[in-house]
Amino acid sequence: MKKIFILLLISLLSVSTSYSATDRYSQEYLQSKNHFSITKPLAEYIAKKAIKKSLKKETGANFDVKLDAYNTSSLKKGIFKNLEITGNDLFVNDIPVNYINLKSLTDYNYIDYTQSPVVYKSDMQFAYELVLTDEALNVALKDAQYQGIIKTVNRLAGSMFTIKALRTKIANNKLYLIMDYNLPIVKLTKDRSFVAATDFQVVNGKIKAKNVHIDTTYGKLGLNKVANLINLLNPLEFTLNQIDDNKYKGNIENINFVDNMIKVNGKMYISKSE
């Protein structure tokens, strides 16, 4: 999501440079005064239009953008009061995202977009909501990094099994993991499939399997072992990590299945540059 944030902020450059300048940009001043600016609606319109254009170019999707500035001159400088963007059917870091909403929680946000990379002049906090389909997970699981996770799991499994492939399917508001496997010692003539269904919960900011159900039993593998296996593979957490580059501090607060899609809510924090 880093690209989306930077695009939002750099787009403020498009606000006309003809507006009058002022040195009154402090948080205390802007939040303590009632500001009247006849050009503010136009400045907000220009900025929103530039943001939409940048996001369209980057993601291929149309966004709804809401922007609230204190006044024209502060917006031109890179200061905004509130910002909210909403998009549908887009790609973030090549992962298809069905829905995304980002909304600022801090009412003073200051970025120096004239520098490269941009410099954050204030601490900022955003709430986010993502909705993903199983298509997003299956795209992410083709990544070479995830194949490395499978190799690690196979190494830990020792002589029990070897995962050959893994895919997911969301049905009945559960995530089904379909694992094709073989035996490392006495190889089977044909790979077999092991299917487990799971819900998820957030524990101390980590995504964990919950209410695990085995549809096709592999030997006498118990539910606890299956849950441990799912947590090791953790396709949902891996997918979210692919969407977010982890540059910013953030946390996942809730995960729910809604209409056979995964809804994720959380917050993201951007610290003031040193």
C-alpha atoms as a PDB file:
ATOM      1  CA  MET A   1       0.000   0.000   0.000  1.00  0.00           C
ATOM      2  CA  LYS A   2       3.029   2.270   0.140  1.00  0.00           C
ATOM      3  CA  LYS A   3       2.595   3.248  -3.519  1.00  0.00           C
ATOM      4  CA  ILE A   4      -0.976   4.353  -2.911  1.00  0.00           C
ATOM      5  CA  PHE A   5       0.023   6.628  -0.025  1.00  0.00           C
ATOM      6  CA  ILE A   6       2.889   8.219  -1.989  1.00  0.00           C
ATOM      7  CA  LEU A   7       0.651   8.737  -5.025  1.00  0.00           C
ATOM      8  CA  LEU A   8      -1.926  10.472  -2.875  1.00  0.00           C
ATOM      9  CA  LEU A   9       0.635  12.834  -1.464  1.00  0.00           C
ATOM     10  CA  ILE A  10       2.652  13.624  -4.590  1.00  0.00           C
ATOM     11  CA  SER A  11      -0.569  14.411  -6.423  1.00  0.00           C
ATOM     12  CA  LEU A  12      -0.958  17.512  -4.267  1.00  0.00           C
ATOM     13  CA  LEU A  13       1.690  19.064  -6.545  1.00  0.00           C
ATOM     14  CA  SER A  14      -1.033  19.686  -9.078  1.00  0.00           C
ATOM     15  CA  VAL A  15      -2.629  22.387  -6.950  1.00  0.00           C
ATOM     16  CA  SER A  16      -2.072  25.732  -8.678  1.00  0.00           C
ATOM     17  CA  THR A  17       1.018  27.661  -7.615  1.00  0.00           C
ATOM     18  CA  SER A  18      -0.773  30.978  -8.114  1.00  0.00           C
ATOM     19  CA  TYR A  19      -2.383  30.919  -4.678  1.00  0.00           C
ATOM     20  CA  SER A  20      -1.098  33.305  -2.038  1.00  0.00           C
ATOM     21  CA  ALA A  21       1.565  31.942   0.315  1.00  0.00           C
ATOM     22  CA  THR A  22       1.625  32.063   4.103  1.00  0.00           C
ATOM     23  CA  ASP A  23       4.036  30.861   6.752  1.00  0.00           C
ATOM     24  CA  ARG A  24       1.251  29.870   9.136  1.00  0.00           C
ATOM     25  CA  TYR A  25       1.395  26.113   8.677  1.00  0.00           C
ATOM     26  CA  SER A  26       1.771  24.841  12.217  1.00  0.00           C
ATOM     27  CA  GLN A  27      -0.679  22.332  13.631  1.00  0.00           C
ATOM     28  CA  GLU A  28      -1.562  24.664  16.492  1.00  0.00           C
ATOM     29  CA  TYR A  29      -2.378  27.553  14.157  1.00  0.00           C
ATOM     30  CA  LEU A  30      -4.367  25.571  11.606  1.00  0.00           C
ATOM     31  CA  GLN A  31      -6.416  23.714  14.211  1.00  0.00           C
ATOM     32  CA  SER A  32      -7.139  26.748  16.370  1.00  0.00           C
ATOM     33  CA  LYS A  33      -8.411  29.105  13.660  1.00  0.00           C
ATOM     34  CA  ASN A  34     -11.464  29.190  11.461  1.00  0.00           C
ATOM     35  CA  HIS A  35     -10.091  29.464   7.945  1.00  0.00           C
ATOM     36  CA  PHE A  36     -11.974  31.044   5.083  1.00  0.00           C
ATOM     37  CA  SER A  37     -10.577  30.654   1.614  1.00  0.00           C
ATOM     38  CA  ILE A  38     -12.643  31.310  -1.471  1.00  0.00           C
ATOM     39  CA  THR A  39     -10.229  29.228  -3.536  1.00  0.00           C
ATOM     40  CA  LYS A  40     -10.175  26.205  -1.175  1.00  0.00           C
ATOM     41  CA  PRO A  41     -12.974  24.256  -2.953  1.00  0.00           C
ATOM     42  CA  LEU A  42     -11.165  24.703  -6.261  1.00  0.00           C
ATOM     43  CA  ALA A  43      -7.846  23.637  -4.735  1.00  0.00           C
ATOM     44  CA  GLU A  44      -9.467  20.531  -3.233  1.00  0.00           C
ATOM     45  CA  TYR A  45     -11.093  19.722  -6.576  1.00  0.00           C
ATOM     46  CA  ILE A  46      -7.773  20.029  -8.440  1.00  0.00           C
ATOM     47  CA  ALA A  47      -5.982  17.890  -5.856  1.00  0.00           C
ATOM     48  CA  LYS A  48      -8.681  15.188  -5.895  1.00  0.00           C
ATOM     49  CA  LYS A  49      -8.623  15.089  -9.686  1.00  0.00           C
ATOM     50  CA  ALA A  50      -4.824  14.684  -9.676  1.00  0.00           C
ATOM     51  CA  ILE A  51      -5.020  11.908  -7.053  1.00  0.00           C
ATOM     52  CA  LYS A  52      -7.629  10.022  -9.077  1.00  0.00           C
ATOM     53  CA  LYS A  53      -5.522  10.327 -12.218  1.00  0.00           C
ATOM     54  CA  SER A  54      -2.398   9.035 -10.462  1.00  0.00           C
ATOM     55  CA  LEU A  55      -4.255   6.101  -8.895  1.00  0.00           C
ATOM     56  CA  LYS A  56      -5.881   5.229 -12.213  1.00  0.00           C
ATOM     57  CA  LYS A  57      -2.468   5.146 -13.870  1.00  0.00           C
ATOM     58  CA  GLU A  58      -0.951   3.007 -11.107  1.00  0.00           C
ATOM     59  CA  THR A  59      -3.776   0.541 -10.428  1.00  0.00           C
ATOM     60  CA  GLY A  60      -5.997   0.693 -13.493  1.00  0.00           C
ATOM     61  CA  ALA A  61      -9.016   1.419 -11.293  1.00  0.00           C
ATOM     62  CA  ASN A  62     -11.272   4.386 -10.658  1.00  0.00           C
ATOM     63  CA  PHE A  63     -11.265   5.768  -7.107  1.00  0.00           C
ATOM     64  CA  ASP A  64     -13.616   7.910  -5.102  1.00  0.00           C
ATOM     65  CA  VAL A  65     -11.566  10.555  -3.276  1.00  0.00           C
ATOM     66  CA  LYS A  66     -12.632  12.798  -0.406  1.00  0.00           C
ATOM     67  CA  LEU A  67     -10.213  15.521   0.651  1.00  0.00           C
ATOM     68  CA  ASP A  68     -10.586  18.192   3.315  1.00  0.00           C
ATOM     69  CA  ALA A  69      -8.015  20.989   3.501  1.00  0.00           C
ATOM     70  CA  TYR A  70      -7.551  23.761   6.051  1.00  0.00           C
ATOM     71  CA  ASN A  71      -6.947  26.374   3.389  1.00  0.00           C
ATOM     72  CA  THR A  72      -5.474  26.685  -0.078  1.00  0.00           C
ATOM     73  CA  SER A  73      -1.944  27.654   0.868  1.00  0.00           C
ATOM     74  CA  SER A  74      -1.495  24.816   3.370  1.00  0.00           C
ATOM     75  CA  LEU A  75      -2.823  22.272   0.863  1.00  0.00           C
ATOM     76  CA  LYS A  76      -0.355  23.570  -1.700  1.00  0.00           C
ATOM     77  CA  LYS A  77       2.430  23.040   0.840  1.00  0.00           C
ATOM     78  CA  GLY A  78       1.397  19.410   1.436  1.00  0.00           C
ATOM     79  CA  ILE A  79      -0.823  19.765   4.516  1.00  0.00           C
ATOM     80  CA  PHE A  80      -4.303  18.286   4.554  1.00  0.00           C
ATOM     81  CA  LYS A  81      -6.901  17.775   7.260  1.00  0.00           C
ATOM     82  CA  ASN A  82      -8.654  14.591   6.175  1.00  0.00           C
ATOM     83  CA  LEU A  83      -8.354  12.191   3.272  1.00  0.00           C
ATOM     84  CA  GLU A  84     -10.363   9.150   2.265  1.00  0.00           C
ATOM     85  CA  ILE A  85     -10.056   7.008  -0.856  1.00  0.00           C
ATOM     86  CA  THR A  86     -12.199   4.102  -1.972  1.00  0.00           C
ATOM     87  CA  GLY A  87     -11.512   1.785  -4.885  1.00  0.00           C
ATOM     88  CA  ASN A  88     -12.887  -1.398  -6.393  1.00  0.00           C
ATOM     89  CA  ASP A  89     -11.354  -4.103  -8.574  1.00  0.00           C
ATOM     90  CA  LEU A  90      -7.760  -2.921  -8.564  1.00  0.00           C
ATOM     91  CA  PHE A  91      -4.263  -4.335  -8.358  1.00  0.00           C
ATOM     92  CA  VAL A  92      -1.854  -3.551  -5.514  1.00  0.00           C
ATOM     93  CA  ASN A  93       1.657  -4.936  -6.052  1.00  0.00           C
ATOM     94  CA  ASP A  94       0.134  -7.214  -8.729  1.00  0.00           C
ATOM     95  CA  ILE A  95      -2.360  -8.710  -6.232  1.00  0.00           C
ATOM     96  CA  PRO A  96      -6.038  -8.299  -7.213  1.00  0.00           C
ATOM     97  CA  VAL A  97      -7.954  -6.435  -4.512  1.00  0.00           C
ATOM     98  CA  ASN A  98     -11.741  -6.462  -4.680  1.00  0.00           C
ATOM     99  CA  TYR A  99     -12.198  -3.382  -2.466  1.00  0.00           C
ATOM    100  CA  ILE A 100      -9.983  -0.972  -0.567  1.00  0.00           C
ATOM    101  CA  ASN A 101     -10.744   1.957   1.691  1.00  0.00           C
ATOM    102  CA  LEU A 102      -8.128   4.195   3.326  1.00  0.00           C
ATOM    103  CA  LYS A 103      -9.140   6.950   5.716  1.00  0.00           C
ATOM    104  CA  SER A 104      -6.968   9.350   7.689  1.00  0.00           C
ATOM    105  CA  LEU A 105      -7.500   9.339  11.450  1.00  0.00           C
ATOM    106  CA  THR A 106      -5.145  12.217  12.205  1.00  0.00           C
ATOM    107  CA  ASP A 107      -6.547  15.645  11.331  1.00  0.00           C
ATOM    108  CA  TYR A 108      -3.169  17.248  10.657  1.00  0.00           C
ATOM    109  CA  ASN A 109      -1.092  15.552   7.962  1.00  0.00           C
ATOM    110  CA  TYR A 110       1.992  17.208   6.515  1.00  0.00           C
ATOM    111  CA  ILE A 111       4.204  15.839   3.741  1.00  0.00           C
ATOM    112  CA  ASP A 112       7.033  17.542   1.896  1.00  0.00           C
ATOM    113  CA  TYR A 113       6.356  16.116  -1.564  1.00  0.00           C
ATOM    114  CA  THR A 114       9.088  18.258  -3.166  1.00  0.00           C
ATOM    115  CA  GLN A 115      11.763  15.877  -1.898  1.00  0.00           C
ATOM    116  CA  SER A 116      12.530  12.421  -3.252  1.00  0.00           C
ATOM    117  CA  PRO A 117      11.629  10.281  -1.452  1.00  0.00           C
ATOM    118  CA  VAL A 118       8.918  12.326   0.205  1.00  0.00           C
ATOM    119  CA  VAL A 119       9.559  13.528   3.763  1.00  0.00           C
ATOM    120  CA  TYR A 120       6.883  13.099   6.396  1.00  0.00           C
ATOM    121  CA  LYS A 121       6.662  16.268   8.507  1.00  0.00           C
ATOM    122  CA  SER A 122       4.033  14.911  10.908  1.00  0.00           C
ATOM    123  CA  ASP A 123       2.931  11.613  12.394  1.00  0.00           C
ATOM    124  CA  MET A 124      -0.015  10.162  10.515  1.00  0.00           C
ATOM    125  CA  GLN A 125      -2.482   7.377  11.115  1.00  0.00           C
ATOM    126  CA  PHE A 126      -4.835   5.703   8.647  1.00  0.00           C
ATOM    127  CA  ALA A 127      -7.610   3.158   9.014  1.00  0.00           C
ATOM    128  CA  TYR A 128      -7.884   0.665   6.198  1.00  0.00           C
ATOM    129  CA  GLU A 129     -10.287  -1.980   5.001  1.00  0.00           C
ATOM    130  CA  LEU A 130      -9.527  -4.586   2.351  1.00  0.00           C
ATOM    131  CA  VAL A 131     -11.778  -7.148   0.739  1.00  0.00           C
ATOM    132  CA  LEU A 132     -10.096 -10.085  -0.990  1.00  0.00           C
ATOM    133  CA  THR A 133     -11.334 -13.057  -2.973  1.00  0.00           C
ATOM    134  CA  ASP A 134      -9.579 -16.399  -3.224  1.00  0.00           C
ATOM    135  CA  GLU A 135      -8.175 -15.176  -6.552  1.00  0.00           C
ATOM    136  CA  ALA A 136      -5.906 -12.808  -4.622  1.00  0.00           C
ATOM    137  CA  LEU A 137      -4.575 -15.619  -2.456  1.00  0.00           C
ATOM    138  CA  ASN A 138      -3.936 -17.954  -5.368  1.00  0.00           C
ATOM    139  CA  VAL A 139      -2.062 -15.231  -7.256  1.00  0.00           C
ATOM    140  CA  ALA A 140       0.107 -14.507  -4.211  1.00  0.00           C
ATOM    141  CA  LEU A 141       0.872 -18.210  -3.621  1.00  0.00           C
ATOM    142  CA  LYS A 142       2.557 -18.458  -7.009  1.00  0.00           C
ATOM    143  CA  ASP A 143       5.277 -16.112  -5.766  1.00  0.00           C
ATOM    144  CA  ALA A 144       8.766 -17.565  -5.387  1.00  0.00           C
ATOM    145  CA  GLN A 145       8.860 -16.460  -1.745  1.00  0.00           C
ATOM    146  CA  TYR A 146       5.877 -18.641  -0.955  1.00  0.00           C
ATOM    147  CA  GLN A 147       7.497 -21.607  -2.641  1.00  0.00           C
ATOM    148  CA  GLY A 148      10.323 -21.052  -0.149  1.00  0.00           C
ATOM    149  CA  ILE A 149       7.783 -21.318   2.688  1.00  0.00           C
ATOM    150  CA  ILE A 150       6.553 -24.644   1.288  1.00  0.00           C
ATOM    151  CA  LYS A 151      10.136 -25.919   1.163  1.00  0.00           C
ATOM    152  CA  THR A 152      10.601 -24.963   4.814  1.00  0.00           C
ATOM    153  CA  VAL A 153       7.395 -26.769   5.810  1.00  0.00           C
ATOM    154  CA  ASN A 154       8.487 -29.847   3.868  1.00  0.00           C
ATOM    155  CA  ARG A 155      11.813 -29.804   5.676  1.00  0.00           C
ATOM    156  CA  LEU A 156      10.041 -29.632   9.032  1.00  0.00           C
ATOM    157  CA  ALA A 157       7.642 -32.411   8.017  1.00  0.00           C
ATOM    158  CA  GLY A 158      10.588 -34.777   7.583  1.00  0.00           C
ATOM    159  CA  SER A 159       9.383 -38.222   6.585  1.00  0.00           C
ATOM    160  CA  MET A 160       5.650 -37.492   7.055  1.00  0.00           C
ATOM    161  CA  PHE A 161       4.790 -35.876   3.726  1.00  0.00           C
ATOM    162  CA  THR A 162       6.011 -33.580   0.980  1.00  0.00           C
ATOM    163  CA  ILE A 163       3.725 -30.789  -0.232  1.00  0.00           C
ATOM    164  CA  LYS A 164       3.795 -30.627  -4.012  1.00  0.00           C
ATOM    165  CA  ALA A 165       1.300 -27.803  -4.544  1.00  0.00           C
ATOM    166  CA  LEU A 166      -1.155 -25.680  -2.594  1.00  0.00           C
ATOM    167  CA  ARG A 167      -4.216 -23.723  -3.648  1.00  0.00           C
ATOM    168  CA  THR A 168      -7.154 -22.139  -1.858  1.00  0.00           C
ATOM    169  CA  LYS A 169     -10.892 -21.865  -2.283  1.00  0.00           C
ATOM    170  CA  ILE A 170     -13.377 -19.811  -0.285  1.00  0.00           C
ATOM    171  CA  ALA A 171     -16.754 -21.476   0.222  1.00  0.00           C
ATOM    172  CA  ASN A 172     -19.348 -21.425   2.995  1.00  0.00           C
ATOM    173  CA  ASN A 173     -17.421 -18.471   4.474  1.00  0.00           C
ATOM    174  CA  LYS A 174     -14.428 -20.703   5.151  1.00  0.00           C
ATOM    175  CA  LEU A 175     -11.014 -20.861   3.551  1.00  0.00           C
ATOM    176  CA  TYR A 176     -10.282 -24.295   2.118  1.00  0.00           C
ATOM    177  CA  LEU A 177      -6.646 -25.254   1.651  1.00  0.00           C
ATOM    178  CA  ILE A 178      -6.127 -27.952  -0.953  1.00  0.00           C
ATOM    179  CA  MET A 179      -2.667 -29.475  -0.593  1.00  0.00           C
ATOM    180  CA  ASP A 180      -1.329 -31.958  -3.118  1.00  0.00           C
ATOM    181  CA  TYR A 181       1.207 -34.173  -1.354  1.00  0.00           C
ATOM    182  CA  ASN A 182       3.305 -37.275  -1.724  1.00  0.00           C
ATOM    183  CA  LEU A 183       5.375 -39.415   0.636  1.00  0.00           C
ATOM    184  CA  PRO A 184       9.121 -38.761   0.760  1.00  0.00           C
ATOM    185  CA  ILE A 185      10.165 -42.337   1.652  1.00  0.00           C
ATOM    186  CA  VAL A 186       7.711 -44.587  -0.203  1.00  0.00           C
ATOM    187  CA  LYS A 187       6.597 -42.463  -3.132  1.00  0.00           C
ATOM    188  CA  LEU A 188       3.023 -42.813  -4.293  1.00  0.00           C
ATOM    189  CA  THR A 189       2.410 -43.340  -7.995  1.00  0.00           C
ATOM    190  CA  LYS A 190       0.113 -40.318  -7.962  1.00  0.00           C
ATOM    191  CA  ASP A 191      -0.023 -37.261  -5.718  1.00  0.00           C
ATOM    192  CA  ARG A 192      -2.901 -37.227  -3.273  1.00  0.00           C
ATOM    193  CA  SER A 193      -4.907 -34.274  -2.010  1.00  0.00           C
ATOM    194  CA  PHE A 194      -5.464 -33.188   1.570  1.00  0.00           C
ATOM    195  CA  VAL A 195      -8.203 -30.652   2.252  1.00  0.00           C
ATOM    196  CA  ALA A 196      -8.617 -28.560   5.384  1.00  0.00           C
ATOM    197  CA  ALA A 197     -11.115 -25.779   6.071  1.00  0.00           C
ATOM    198  CA  THR A 198     -10.394 -22.960   8.490  1.00  0.00           C
ATOM    199  CA  ASP A 199     -11.571 -19.638   9.812  1.00  0.00           C
ATOM    200  CA  PHE A 200      -9.068 -17.042  11.037  1.00  0.00           C
ATOM    201  CA  GLN A 201      -8.614 -14.830  14.054  1.00  0.00           C
ATOM    202  CA  VAL A 202      -6.162 -12.089  14.998  1.00  0.00           C
ATOM    203  CA  VAL A 203      -4.036 -12.858  18.061  1.00  0.00           C
ATOM    204  CA  ASN A 204      -1.554 -10.159  19.129  1.00  0.00           C
ATOM    205  CA  GLY A 205      -1.522  -8.793  15.603  1.00  0.00           C
ATOM    206  CA  LYS A 206      -0.880 -12.203  14.044  1.00  0.00           C
ATOM    207  CA  ILE A 207      -3.267 -14.179  11.865  1.00  0.00           C
ATOM    208  CA  LYS A 208      -4.022 -17.612  13.319  1.00  0.00           C
ATOM    209  CA  ALA A 209      -6.162 -20.529  12.160  1.00  0.00           C
ATOM    210  CA  LYS A 210      -9.447 -21.023  14.025  1.00  0.00           C
ATOM    211  CA  ASN A 211     -12.164 -23.681  13.923  1.00  0.00           C
ATOM    212  CA  VAL A 212     -10.130 -26.012  11.723  1.00  0.00           C
ATOM    213  CA  HIS A 213     -12.049 -28.789   9.985  1.00  0.00           C
ATOM    214  CA  ILE A 214     -10.564 -31.720   8.053  1.00  0.00           C
ATOM    215  CA  ASP A 215     -12.475 -32.774   4.955  1.00  0.00           C
ATOM    216  CA  THR A 216     -10.021 -35.458   3.830  1.00  0.00           C
ATOM    217  CA  THR A 217      -8.037 -37.034   6.650  1.00  0.00           C
ATOM    218  CA  TYR A 218      -4.349 -37.804   6.177  1.00  0.00           C
ATOM    219  CA  GLY A 219      -3.571 -40.750   8.409  1.00  0.00           C
ATOM    220  CA  LYS A 220      -4.112 -39.871  12.074  1.00  0.00           C
ATOM    221  CA  LEU A 221      -3.070 -36.250  11.788  1.00  0.00           C
ATOM    222  CA  GLY A 222      -4.916 -34.431  14.596  1.00  0.00           C
ATOM    223  CA  LEU A 223      -6.620 -31.062  14.417  1.00  0.00           C
ATOM    224  CA  ASN A 224      -3.896 -29.345  16.434  1.00  0.00           C
ATOM    225  CA  LYS A 225      -1.275 -30.565  13.980  1.00  0.00           C
ATOM    226  CA  VAL A 226      -3.406 -29.421  11.061  1.00  0.00           C
ATOM    227  CA  ALA A 227      -3.827 -25.978  12.674  1.00  0.00           C
ATOM    228  CA  ASN A 228      -0.050 -25.783  13.185  1.00  0.00           C
ATOM    229  CA  LEU A 229       0.446 -26.717   9.531  1.00  0.00           C
ATOM    230  CA  ILE A 230      -1.971 -24.007   8.376  1.00  0.00           C
ATOM    231  CA  ASN A 231      -0.245 -21.439  10.587  1.00  0.00           C
ATOM    232  CA  LEU A 232       3.115 -22.408   9.095  1.00  0.00           C
ATOM    233  CA  LEU A 233       1.789 -22.083   5.558  1.00  0.00           C
ATOM    234  CA  ASN A 234      -0.412 -19.066   6.433  1.00  0.00           C
ATOM    235  CA  PRO A 235      -1.534 -18.113   2.904  1.00  0.00           C
ATOM    236  CA  LEU A 236      -3.651 -15.181   4.122  1.00  0.00           C
ATOM    237  CA  GLU A 237      -0.859 -13.486   6.060  1.00  0.00           C
ATOM    238  CA  PHE A 238       1.519 -13.999   3.137  1.00  0.00           C
ATOM    239  CA  THR A 239      -0.980 -12.395   0.747  1.00  0.00           C
ATOM    240  CA  LEU A 240      -1.411  -9.362   2.993  1.00  0.00           C
ATOM    241  CA  ASN A 241       2.366  -9.006   3.258  1.00  0.00           C
ATOM    242  CA  GLN A 242       2.562  -8.973  -0.542  1.00  0.00           C
ATOM    243  CA  ILE A 243      -0.010  -6.172  -0.685  1.00  0.00           C
ATOM    244  CA  ASP A 244       1.829  -4.144   1.961  1.00  0.00           C
ATOM    245  CA  ASP A 245       5.628  -3.797   1.752  1.00  0.00           C
ATOM    246  CA  ASN A 246       5.860  -3.536   5.582  1.00  0.00           C
ATOM    247  CA  LYS A 247       7.688  -0.210   5.414  1.00  0.00           C
ATOM    248  CA  TYR A 248       5.082   1.389   7.631  1.00  0.00           C
ATOM    249  CA  LYS A 249       4.062   0.237  11.076  1.00  0.00           C
ATOM    250  CA  GLY A 250       0.590  -1.178  11.110  1.00  0.00           C
ATOM    251  CA  ASN A 251      -1.654  -3.754  12.622  1.00  0.00           C
ATOM    252  CA  ILE A 252      -4.468  -6.051  11.600  1.00  0.00           C
ATOM    253  CA  GLU A 253      -7.446  -5.727  13.920  1.00  0.00           C
ATOM    254  CA  ASN A 254     -10.184  -7.904  12.447  1.00  0.00           C
ATOM    255  CA  ILE A 255     -10.638 -10.611   9.836  1.00  0.00           C
ATOM    256  CA  ASN A 256     -14.071 -11.796   8.763  1.00  0.00           C
ATOM    257  CA  PHE A 257     -15.587 -13.819   5.976  1.00  0.00           C
ATOM    258  CA  VAL A 258     -18.446 -11.949   4.292  1.00  0.00           C
ATOM    259  CA  ASP A 259     -20.248 -13.359   1.240  1.00  0.00           C
ATOM    260  CA  ASN A 260     -17.344 -15.744   0.610  1.00  0.00           C
ATOM    261  CA  MET A 261     -14.817 -12.942   0.612  1.00  0.00           C
ATOM    262  CA  ILE A 262     -12.229 -11.988   3.230  1.00  0.00           C
ATOM    263  CA  LYS A 263     -12.645  -8.601   4.902  1.00  0.00           C
ATOM    264  CA  VAL A 264      -9.587  -7.239   6.717  1.00  0.00           C
ATOM    265  CA  ASN A 265      -9.594  -4.135   8.932  1.00  0.00           C
ATOM    266  CA  GLY A 266      -6.673  -2.445  10.592  1.00  0.00           C
ATOM    267  CA  LYS A 267      -4.624   0.681  11.081  1.00  0.00           C
ATOM    268  CA  MET A 268      -1.417   1.969   9.546  1.00  0.00           C
ATOM    269  CA  TYR A 269       0.993   4.396  11.172  1.00  0.00           C
ATOM    270  CA  ILE A 270       3.480   6.673   9.420  1.00  0.00           C
ATOM    271  CA  SER A 271       6.049   8.273  11.688  1.00  0.00           C
ATOM    272  CA  LYS A 272       7.442  11.754  11.221  1.00  0.00           C
ATOM    273  CA  SER A 273      10.769  11.650   9.402  1.00  0.00           C
ATOM    274  CA  GLU A 274      13.791  12.233  11.630  1.00  0.00           C
END
